[in-house]
Amino acid sequence: MIRWLCDYHNLNEDDLRNSLYWHQDNDAVSHLMRVASGLDSLVLGEPQILGQVKKRLRIRKKATLTPARWSECFRSLFPVAKRVRTETDIGASAVSVAFAACTLARQIFESLSTVTVLLVGAGETIELVARHLREHKVQKMIIANRTRERAQALADEVGAEVISLSDIDARLQDADIIISSTASPLPIIGKGMVERALKNRRNQPMLLVDIAVPRDVEPEVGKLANAYLYSVDDLQSIISHNLAQRQAAAVEAETIVEQEASEFMAWLRAQGASETIREYRSQSEQIRGRTDYQSAVGPSTGRRCASHLAGSGMETDQPPDSCANEITSTGCP
């Protein structure tokens, strides 16, 4: 495998070896289970890792690259990861800006299915926010972006309406939640714009989450009654707190992984023992067959039969049952 990688990518083998690591036996099983459970990811408890593992395993299965025993190990990864998710809080708290923004919205609004969300921007962060919101049953989303084409692709995926940045002033009053993340050097949403929206909404509250750097929403907006403004700095404090909770949950998760890895290795050893027993039984049957044959014909007759068979051209190293059949049909001198 290493030579193939070096040849395919034109790499130096020594350089590649210095960047690799190996796991064997129980350590290998534990490593696979830790990866699938999100314990070995850059973002602790990252749920998307399991989907990536599933995709890689489908590719390996299609290419028939996985030995039978390890196929069983790979199948065990999914219930282990599920157990880690259900029995610990490894994934309960948000540790990404996008997820934290959605979590904040869920804490403030009793149900997201009845709110209207305005997303400002169409970059990677807003894409993640939109997908999280869709997973939490948000029915109405509006995406405002400088270029309509980029926003339209995301809108088609999550079932949102697309508007231009210049339309925000007129549509702001429709939004209960505004989440903004653009690369604009100047604020896009000003205090006056929010004041007008609140007036048209008859002072129904608005949640504004500004996760842009520099800011998309003027800080003065936070001073308005019924306008609740959170910046990326506020979210980072939430994330730091949640990350500490995940690290505590990871200790419990490691215990589960070690237990499951030990159980799998015990099963694997049992499979090896089963194969040894089957081989032993097969050899025992062959020995018994030879013993029964010799007992039936007697020593002297056995020697005469062997000589007769050798003279007749029959292979004398055939299984005893075959020899017995031949003797039955031809007889011994």
Protein backbone atom coordinates (compact mmCIF):
# COMPACT_ATOMS: atom_id res chain seq x y z
CA MET A 1 0.00 0.00 0.00
CA ILE A 2 2.81 2.41 0.91
CA ARG A 3 4.66 1.72 -2.33
CA TRP A 4 1.46 2.21 -4.32
CA LEU A 5 0.83 5.58 -2.64
CA CYS A 6 4.39 6.66 -3.33
CA ASP A 7 4.23 5.60 -6.97
CA TYR A 8 0.79 7.14 -7.54
CA HIS A 9 1.62 10.49 -5.91
CA ASN A 10 5.34 10.51 -6.78
CA LEU A 11 6.37 10.61 -3.11
CA ASN A 12 9.54 9.61 -1.30
CA GLU A 13 8.85 6.41 0.66
CA ASP A 14 10.91 7.46 3.71
CA ASP A 15 9.11 10.80 3.90
CA LEU A 16 5.74 9.08 3.76
CA ARG A 17 6.66 6.51 6.43
CA ASN A 18 7.59 9.30 8.82
CA SER A 19 4.04 10.65 8.49
CA LEU A 20 2.26 7.33 9.13
CA TYR A 21 1.32 5.42 12.25
CA TRP A 22 0.23 1.82 12.82
CA HIS A 23 -2.17 0.18 15.26
CA GLN A 24 -2.45 -3.55 15.87
CA ASP A 25 -4.92 -5.91 17.53
CA ASN A 26 -6.86 -4.26 20.38
CA ASP A 27 -5.25 -0.87 19.71
CA ALA A 28 -6.44 -1.00 16.08
CA VAL A 29 -10.01 -1.86 17.10
CA SER A 30 -10.05 0.88 19.76
CA HIS A 31 -8.71 3.40 17.24
CA LEU A 32 -11.45 2.59 14.71
CA MET A 33 -14.14 2.90 17.37
CA ARG A 34 -12.71 6.19 18.66
CA VAL A 35 -12.67 7.65 15.14
CA ALA A 36 -16.25 6.56 14.40
CA SER A 37 -17.44 7.99 17.74
CA GLY A 38 -15.85 11.40 17.10
CA LEU A 39 -13.28 11.03 19.89
CA ASP A 40 -10.32 11.37 17.53
CA SER A 41 -11.62 14.29 15.43
CA LEU A 42 -10.36 17.87 15.36
CA VAL A 43 -13.71 18.98 16.80
CA LEU A 44 -14.36 16.63 19.72
CA GLY A 45 -17.60 14.69 19.18
CA GLU A 46 -17.99 15.81 15.56
CA PRO A 47 -21.09 13.91 14.28
CA GLN A 48 -20.18 14.15 10.60
CA ILE A 49 -17.19 11.82 11.08
CA LEU A 50 -19.44 8.74 11.28
CA GLY A 51 -20.95 9.58 7.89
CA GLN A 52 -17.46 9.84 6.41
CA VAL A 53 -16.55 6.46 7.90
CA LYS A 54 -19.69 4.89 6.38
CA LYS A 55 -18.80 6.31 2.97
CA ARG A 56 -15.24 4.90 3.10
CA LEU A 57 -16.50 1.48 4.16
CA ARG A 58 -18.94 1.37 1.24
CA ILE A 59 -16.01 2.04 -1.10
CA ARG A 60 -13.90 -0.70 0.52
CA LYS A 61 -16.78 -3.17 0.35
CA LYS A 62 -17.36 -2.43 -3.32
CA ALA A 63 -13.66 -2.98 -4.02
CA THR A 64 -13.64 -6.18 -1.84
CA LEU A 65 -10.67 -4.87 0.14
CA THR A 66 -11.89 -5.88 3.60
CA PRO A 67 -11.24 -9.37 5.09
CA ALA A 68 -14.29 -11.12 6.50
CA ARG A 69 -13.30 -10.75 10.14
CA TRP A 70 -12.62 -7.04 9.79
CA SER A 71 -15.92 -6.57 8.01
CA GLU A 72 -17.53 -7.66 11.28
CA CYS A 73 -15.38 -5.12 13.12
CA PHE A 74 -16.44 -2.35 10.76
CA ARG A 75 -20.10 -3.27 11.19
CA SER A 76 -19.66 -2.99 14.96
CA LEU A 77 -18.51 0.63 14.66
CA PHE A 78 -22.01 1.98 14.09
CA PRO A 79 -23.73 0.57 17.20
CA VAL A 80 -20.69 1.63 19.25
CA ALA A 81 -20.91 5.20 17.95
CA LYS A 82 -24.66 5.20 18.60
CA ARG A 83 -24.11 3.99 22.14
CA VAL A 84 -21.57 6.77 22.76
CA ARG A 85 -24.09 9.34 21.47
CA THR A 86 -27.01 8.06 23.53
CA GLU A 87 -25.22 7.22 26.78
CA THR A 88 -23.00 10.33 27.02
CA ASP A 89 -23.35 14.07 26.35
CA ILE A 90 -20.55 14.07 23.78
CA GLY A 91 -22.80 15.66 21.15
CA ALA A 92 -25.28 17.52 23.34
CA SER A 93 -23.56 20.92 23.33
CA ALA A 94 -22.63 23.13 20.40
CA VAL A 95 -18.91 23.56 19.68
CA SER A 96 -19.11 25.22 16.25
CA VAL A 97 -20.22 28.78 15.55
CA ALA A 98 -22.95 27.62 13.17
CA PHE A 99 -24.35 25.05 15.58
CA ALA A 100 -24.07 27.49 18.51
CA ALA A 101 -26.12 30.06 16.61
CA CYS A 102 -28.88 27.52 16.01
CA THR A 103 -28.74 26.32 19.62
CA LEU A 104 -29.15 29.89 20.83
CA ALA A 105 -32.22 30.31 18.62
CA ARG A 106 -33.73 27.11 20.00
CA GLN A 107 -33.19 28.31 23.56
CA ILE A 108 -34.99 31.61 22.96
CA PHE A 109 -37.87 30.43 20.79
CA GLU A 110 -40.11 27.64 22.03
CA SER A 111 -40.50 26.17 18.54
CA LEU A 112 -38.49 26.96 15.43
CA SER A 113 -41.17 25.53 13.16
CA THR A 114 -43.25 28.71 13.48
CA VAL A 115 -40.52 31.34 13.05
CA THR A 116 -39.15 33.11 9.99
CA VAL A 117 -35.36 33.19 9.70
CA LEU A 118 -33.39 35.69 7.60
CA LEU A 119 -29.90 34.49 6.69
CA VAL A 120 -27.53 37.17 5.45
CA GLY A 121 -24.74 35.74 3.31
CA ALA A 122 -24.31 32.42 1.52
CA GLY A 123 -20.85 31.26 2.58
CA GLU A 124 -19.84 28.04 4.30
CA THR A 125 -20.97 29.14 7.77
CA ILE A 126 -24.41 30.19 6.56
CA GLU A 127 -24.70 26.90 4.64
CA LEU A 128 -24.13 24.98 7.89
CA VAL A 129 -26.60 27.22 9.74
CA ALA A 130 -29.25 26.65 7.06
CA ARG A 131 -28.83 22.87 7.22
CA HIS A 132 -29.02 22.88 11.02
CA LEU A 133 -32.19 24.99 10.89
CA ARG A 134 -33.79 22.68 8.37
CA GLU A 135 -33.02 19.71 10.62
CA HIS A 136 -34.87 21.55 13.41
CA LYS A 137 -38.00 21.97 11.28
CA VAL A 138 -37.71 25.64 10.32
CA GLN A 139 -40.38 26.12 7.67
CA LYS A 140 -39.60 29.59 6.36
CA MET A 141 -36.10 30.84 5.53
CA ILE A 142 -35.01 33.88 3.53
CA ILE A 143 -31.46 34.14 2.18
CA ALA A 144 -30.06 37.58 1.36
CA ASN A 145 -26.83 37.65 -0.60
CA ARG A 146 -24.85 39.91 -2.87
CA THR A 147 -24.83 37.37 -5.72
CA ARG A 148 -28.12 35.60 -6.33
CA GLU A 149 -26.62 32.56 -8.07
CA ARG A 150 -24.68 31.33 -5.03
CA ALA A 151 -27.64 31.91 -2.73
CA GLN A 152 -30.03 30.12 -5.09
CA ALA A 153 -28.13 26.84 -4.91
CA LEU A 154 -28.39 26.85 -1.11
CA ALA A 155 -32.02 28.00 -1.25
CA ASP A 156 -32.94 25.09 -3.51
CA GLU A 157 -31.36 22.68 -1.02
CA VAL A 158 -33.15 23.99 2.08
CA GLY A 159 -36.33 25.37 0.51
CA ALA A 160 -35.63 29.06 1.11
CA GLU A 161 -36.50 32.33 -0.62
CA VAL A 162 -33.70 34.43 -2.13
CA ILE A 163 -33.45 38.22 -1.96
CA SER A 164 -30.67 40.73 -2.60
CA LEU A 165 -28.87 42.68 0.13
CA SER A 166 -30.70 45.81 -0.98
CA ASP A 167 -34.02 44.14 -0.10
CA ILE A 168 -33.11 43.58 3.56
CA ASP A 169 -34.52 46.92 4.74
CA ALA A 170 -37.96 46.06 3.34
CA ARG A 171 -37.98 42.41 4.48
CA LEU A 172 -36.36 42.72 7.92
CA GLN A 173 -39.75 43.13 9.59
CA ASP A 174 -40.74 39.64 8.43
CA ALA A 175 -37.91 37.96 10.33
CA ASP A 176 -38.02 36.70 13.89
CA ILE A 177 -34.40 35.55 13.73
CA ILE A 178 -31.57 37.16 11.74
CA ILE A 179 -28.25 35.34 11.40
CA SER A 180 -25.58 37.17 9.44
CA SER A 181 -22.14 36.15 8.19
CA THR A 182 -20.68 38.07 5.26
CA ALA A 183 -17.27 39.43 4.31
CA SER A 184 -18.54 43.02 4.16
CA PRO A 185 -16.07 45.57 5.60
CA LEU A 186 -18.99 47.72 6.82
CA PRO A 187 -22.18 46.87 8.75
CA ILE A 188 -25.09 45.74 6.59
CA ILE A 189 -27.83 46.09 9.23
CA GLY A 190 -27.94 49.43 11.07
CA LYS A 191 -29.77 50.67 14.13
CA GLY A 192 -32.27 52.70 12.10
CA MET A 193 -33.15 49.72 9.93
CA VAL A 194 -33.92 47.57 13.00
CA GLU A 195 -35.92 50.39 14.62
CA ARG A 196 -38.21 50.56 11.59
CA ALA A 197 -38.59 46.80 11.51
CA LEU A 198 -39.54 46.67 15.21
CA LYS A 199 -42.10 49.42 14.73
CA ASN A 200 -43.71 47.53 11.81
CA ARG A 201 -43.65 44.33 13.90
CA ARG A 202 -45.41 46.15 16.77
CA ASN A 203 -42.36 45.53 18.91
CA GLN A 204 -42.45 41.75 18.65
CA PRO A 205 -38.93 40.62 19.68
CA MET A 206 -36.16 39.93 17.20
CA LEU A 207 -33.06 37.80 17.71
CA LEU A 208 -30.00 38.97 15.79
CA VAL A 209 -26.91 36.73 15.70
CA ASP A 210 -23.90 38.41 14.11
CA ILE A 211 -21.18 35.84 13.42
CA ALA A 212 -19.24 38.02 10.95
CA VAL A 213 -15.80 39.54 11.49
CA PRO A 214 -15.89 42.51 11.09
CA ARG A 215 -19.46 42.88 12.32
CA ASP A 216 -22.47 42.90 9.98
CA VAL A 217 -24.79 44.48 12.58
CA GLU A 218 -24.14 47.82 14.27
CA PRO A 219 -23.44 47.25 18.01
CA GLU A 220 -25.98 49.99 18.88
CA VAL A 221 -28.75 47.64 17.78
CA GLY A 222 -28.27 45.77 21.06
CA LYS A 223 -29.49 48.83 22.97
CA LEU A 224 -32.94 48.72 21.36
CA ALA A 225 -35.84 47.27 23.32
CA ASN A 226 -36.96 43.88 21.99
CA ALA A 227 -33.81 43.53 19.84
CA TYR A 228 -31.55 40.82 21.24
CA LEU A 229 -28.12 41.03 19.62
CA TYR A 230 -25.42 38.37 20.02
CA SER A 231 -21.98 38.61 18.44
CA VAL A 232 -19.40 35.97 17.56
CA ASP A 233 -17.66 36.81 20.87
CA ASP A 234 -20.82 35.83 22.79
CA LEU A 235 -20.99 32.56 20.89
CA GLN A 236 -17.33 31.79 21.58
CA SER A 237 -17.95 31.94 25.33
CA ILE A 238 -20.85 29.49 24.87
CA ILE A 239 -18.63 27.23 22.77
CA SER A 240 -15.82 27.24 25.36
CA HIS A 241 -18.26 26.23 28.08
CA ASN A 242 -19.76 23.50 25.90
CA LEU A 243 -16.34 22.18 24.89
CA ALA A 244 -15.49 21.66 28.57
CA GLN A 245 -18.71 19.64 28.91
CA ARG A 246 -17.79 17.53 25.88
CA GLN A 247 -14.35 16.81 27.30
CA ALA A 248 -15.96 15.53 30.49
CA ALA A 249 -18.33 13.36 28.42
CA ALA A 250 -15.37 12.06 26.41
CA VAL A 251 -14.04 10.32 29.52
CA GLU A 252 -17.26 8.28 29.72
CA ALA A 253 -17.12 7.63 25.99
CA GLU A 254 -13.56 6.28 26.22
CA THR A 255 -14.74 3.74 28.80
CA ILE A 256 -17.49 2.55 26.45
CA VAL A 257 -15.03 2.24 23.55
CA GLU A 258 -12.54 0.21 25.58
CA GLN A 259 -15.31 -2.12 26.75
CA GLU A 260 -16.63 -2.64 23.22
CA ALA A 261 -13.12 -3.15 21.83
CA SER A 262 -12.36 -5.80 24.46
CA GLU A 263 -15.63 -7.60 23.67
CA PHE A 264 -14.85 -7.60 19.95
CA MET A 265 -11.34 -8.98 20.52
CA ALA A 266 -12.81 -11.75 22.71
CA TRP A 267 -15.21 -12.59 19.86
CA LEU A 268 -12.32 -12.55 17.38
CA ARG A 269 -10.27 -14.95 19.52
CA ALA A 270 -13.30 -17.23 19.80
CA GLN A 271 -13.55 -17.31 16.00
CA GLY A 272 -9.91 -18.36 15.79
CA ALA A 273 -10.54 -21.11 18.35
CA SER A 274 -13.55 -22.30 16.37
CA GLU A 275 -11.44 -22.67 13.23
CA THR A 276 -8.83 -24.64 15.19
CA ILE A 277 -11.54 -26.95 16.57
CA ARG A 278 -12.97 -27.52 13.08
CA GLU A 279 -9.52 -28.38 11.75
CA TYR A 280 -8.92 -30.71 14.68
CA ARG A 281 -12.22 -32.48 14.07
CA SER A 282 -11.40 -32.93 10.40
CA GLN A 283 -8.03 -34.46 11.20
CA SER A 284 -9.63 -36.68 13.85
CA GLU A 285 -12.12 -38.01 11.30
CA GLN A 286 -9.30 -38.86 8.92
CA ILE A 287 -7.33 -40.68 11.65
CA ARG A 288 -10.42 -42.56 12.76
CA GLY A 289 -11.13 -43.58 9.19
CA ARG A 290 -7.63 -45.00 8.77
CA THR A 291 -7.87 -46.78 12.14
CA ASP A 292 -11.24 -48.34 11.27
CA TYR A 293 -9.90 -49.50 7.91
CA GLN A 294 -6.83 -51.14 9.43
CA SER A 295 -8.97 -52.82 12.12
CA ALA A 296 -11.33 -54.21 9.48
CA VAL A 297 -8.73 -55.77 7.18
CA GLY A 298 -6.03 -56.66 9.67
CA PRO A 299 -2.31 -55.88 9.39
CA SER A 300 -1.32 -58.59 6.92
CA THR A 301 -4.34 -58.04 4.71
CA GLY A 302 -3.71 -54.29 4.83
CA ARG A 303 -0.17 -54.83 3.54
CA ARG A 304 -1.40 -57.14 0.75
CA CYS A 305 -4.06 -54.61 -0.24
CA ALA A 306 -1.55 -51.80 -0.27
CA SER A 307 0.75 -53.87 -2.49
CA HIS A 308 -2.15 -54.79 -4.75
CA LEU A 309 -3.26 -51.18 -5.07
CA ALA A 310 0.29 -50.05 -5.80
CA GLY A 311 0.55 -52.62 -8.55
CA SER A 312 -2.79 -51.65 -10.00
CA GLY A 313 -1.72 -48.01 -10.39
CA MET A 314 -4.19 -46.66 -7.79
CA GLU A 315 -2.92 -43.76 -5.65
CA THR A 316 -2.44 -45.23 -2.16
CA ASP A 317 -2.43 -41.83 -0.47
CA GLN A 318 -6.13 -41.32 -1.20
CA PRO A 319 -8.50 -40.79 1.75
CA PRO A 320 -9.40 -44.04 3.54
CA ASP A 321 -12.98 -43.91 2.33
CA SER A 322 -11.82 -43.90 -1.31
CA CYS A 323 -9.47 -46.82 -0.66
CA ALA A 324 -12.27 -48.73 1.03
CA ASN A 325 -14.53 -48.17 -1.96
CA GLU A 326 -11.82 -49.42 -4.31
CA ILE A 327 -11.21 -52.51 -2.18
CA THR A 328 -14.91 -53.28 -2.16
CA SER A 329 -15.08 -53.24 -5.94
CA THR A 330 -11.78 -55.04 -6.76
CA GLY A 331 -11.00 -57.04 -3.64
CA CYS A 332 -7.55 -57.97 -2.36
CA PRO A 333 -5.47 -60.97 -3.53
